[in-house]
Amino acid sequence: MIKVRCPICDRGMAGNSPAEWPDFPFCSARCRLIDLGRWLGEDYAVEAPPEEQQEASAAADEEQDIP
């Protein structure tokens, strides 16, 4: 038996396989859409590795120096 919780509403889901939940890992299409909206609204973000962040900030500084 598999026991998991929806990452959006924290509803418990139990069953024999994830195939029982068509919107896995979410409990419903509603929770899946809420998660999508959070990604599109930029509530979630994936951080770049530190060296890429330094390069991006250096490039942004150079762009500001151009008249």
C-alpha atoms as a PDB file:
ATOM      1  CA  MET A   1       0.000   0.000   0.000  1.00  0.00           C
ATOM      2  CA  ILE A   2       1.251   3.477  -0.928  1.00  0.00           C
ATOM      3  CA  LYS A   3       0.515   6.441   1.330  1.00  0.00           C
ATOM      4  CA  VAL A   4       1.324   9.961   0.095  1.00  0.00           C
ATOM      5  CA  ARG A   5       0.083  13.488   0.728  1.00  0.00           C
ATOM      6  CA  CYS A   6      -0.867  16.099  -1.857  1.00  0.00           C
ATOM      7  CA  PRO A   7       1.830  18.806  -1.907  1.00  0.00           C
ATOM      8  CA  ILE A   8      -0.789  21.557  -2.311  1.00  0.00           C
ATOM      9  CA  CYS A   9      -3.651  20.742   0.079  1.00  0.00           C
ATOM     10  CA  ASP A  10      -1.911  18.075   2.217  1.00  0.00           C
ATOM     11  CA  ARG A  11      -4.789  15.634   1.667  1.00  0.00           C
ATOM     12  CA  GLY A  12      -3.819  12.039   2.388  1.00  0.00           C
ATOM     13  CA  MET A  13      -3.987   9.594  -0.511  1.00  0.00           C
ATOM     14  CA  ALA A  14      -3.700   5.849  -0.061  1.00  0.00           C
ATOM     15  CA  GLY A  15      -3.819   3.103  -2.640  1.00  0.00           C
ATOM     16  CA  ASN A  16      -2.015   0.244  -4.300  1.00  0.00           C
ATOM     17  CA  SER A  17      -0.318   2.269  -7.072  1.00  0.00           C
ATOM     18  CA  PRO A  18       0.030   5.848  -8.355  1.00  0.00           C
ATOM     19  CA  ALA A  19      -2.127   4.816 -11.343  1.00  0.00           C
ATOM     20  CA  GLU A  20      -5.148   5.244  -9.051  1.00  0.00           C
ATOM     21  CA  TRP A  21      -4.558   9.011  -9.084  1.00  0.00           C
ATOM     22  CA  PRO A  22      -4.648  10.432 -12.628  1.00  0.00           C
ATOM     23  CA  ASP A  23      -3.220  13.750 -11.354  1.00  0.00           C
ATOM     24  CA  PHE A  24      -0.390  12.207  -9.283  1.00  0.00           C
ATOM     25  CA  PRO A  25       1.381  13.622  -7.271  1.00  0.00           C
ATOM     26  CA  PHE A  26      -1.634  15.869  -6.729  1.00  0.00           C
ATOM     27  CA  CYS A  27      -4.958  14.663  -5.363  1.00  0.00           C
ATOM     28  CA  SER A  28      -7.044  16.422  -8.040  1.00  0.00           C
ATOM     29  CA  ALA A  29      -6.926  18.481 -11.208  1.00  0.00           C
ATOM     30  CA  ARG A  30      -7.653  21.540  -9.046  1.00  0.00           C
ATOM     31  CA  CYS A  31      -4.451  21.087  -7.016  1.00  0.00           C
ATOM     32  CA  ARG A  32      -2.483  20.422 -10.218  1.00  0.00           C
ATOM     33  CA  LEU A  33      -3.729  23.730 -11.677  1.00  0.00           C
ATOM     34  CA  ILE A  34      -2.934  25.608  -8.460  1.00  0.00           C
ATOM     35  CA  ASP A  35       0.647  24.323  -8.694  1.00  0.00           C
ATOM     36  CA  LEU A  36       0.890  25.345 -12.367  1.00  0.00           C
ATOM     37  CA  GLY A  37      -0.398  28.811 -11.484  1.00  0.00           C
ATOM     38  CA  ARG A  38       2.278  29.154  -8.817  1.00  0.00           C
ATOM     39  CA  TRP A  39       4.998  28.290 -11.341  1.00  0.00           C
ATOM     40  CA  LEU A  40       3.586  30.700 -13.924  1.00  0.00           C
ATOM     41  CA  GLY A  41       3.190  33.420 -11.301  1.00  0.00           C
ATOM     42  CA  GLU A  42       6.865  32.917 -10.402  1.00  0.00           C
ATOM     43  CA  ASP A  43       6.085  31.948  -6.799  1.00  0.00           C
ATOM     44  CA  TYR A  44       8.468  29.037  -7.365  1.00  0.00           C
ATOM     45  CA  ALA A  45      11.920  29.392  -8.885  1.00  0.00           C
ATOM     46  CA  VAL A  46      14.861  27.146  -9.621  1.00  0.00           C
ATOM     47  CA  GLU A  47      18.113  28.825  -8.611  1.00  0.00           C
ATOM     48  CA  ALA A  48      21.062  28.835 -10.971  1.00  0.00           C
ATOM     49  CA  PRO A  49      24.366  27.399  -9.749  1.00  0.00           C
ATOM     50  CA  PRO A  50      26.503  30.051  -7.949  1.00  0.00           C
ATOM     51  CA  GLU A  51      28.981  30.527 -10.832  1.00  0.00           C
ATOM     52  CA  GLU A  52      26.128  31.272 -13.265  1.00  0.00           C
ATOM     53  CA  GLN A  53      24.633  33.783 -10.838  1.00  0.00           C
ATOM     54  CA  GLN A  54      27.977  35.630 -10.639  1.00  0.00           C
ATOM     55  CA  GLU A  55      28.312  35.693 -14.431  1.00  0.00           C
ATOM     56  CA  ALA A  56      24.751  36.981 -14.817  1.00  0.00           C
ATOM     57  CA  SER A  57      25.285  39.776 -12.284  1.00  0.00           C
ATOM     58  CA  ALA A  58      28.572  40.755 -13.980  1.00  0.00           C
ATOM     59  CA  ALA A  59      26.818  40.894 -17.359  1.00  0.00           C
ATOM     60  CA  ALA A  60      24.027  43.010 -15.883  1.00  0.00           C
ATOM     61  CA  ASP A  61      26.619  45.422 -14.434  1.00  0.00           C
ATOM     62  CA  GLU A  62      28.294  45.740 -17.853  1.00  0.00           C
ATOM     63  CA  GLU A  63      24.946  46.496 -19.529  1.00  0.00           C
ATOM     64  CA  GLN A  64      24.291  49.314 -17.059  1.00  0.00           C
ATOM     65  CA  ASP A  65      27.644  50.916 -17.911  1.00  0.00           C
ATOM     66  CA  ILE A  66      26.736  51.260 -21.608  1.00  0.00           C
ATOM     67  CA  PRO A  67      25.309  54.759 -22.310  1.00  0.00           C
END
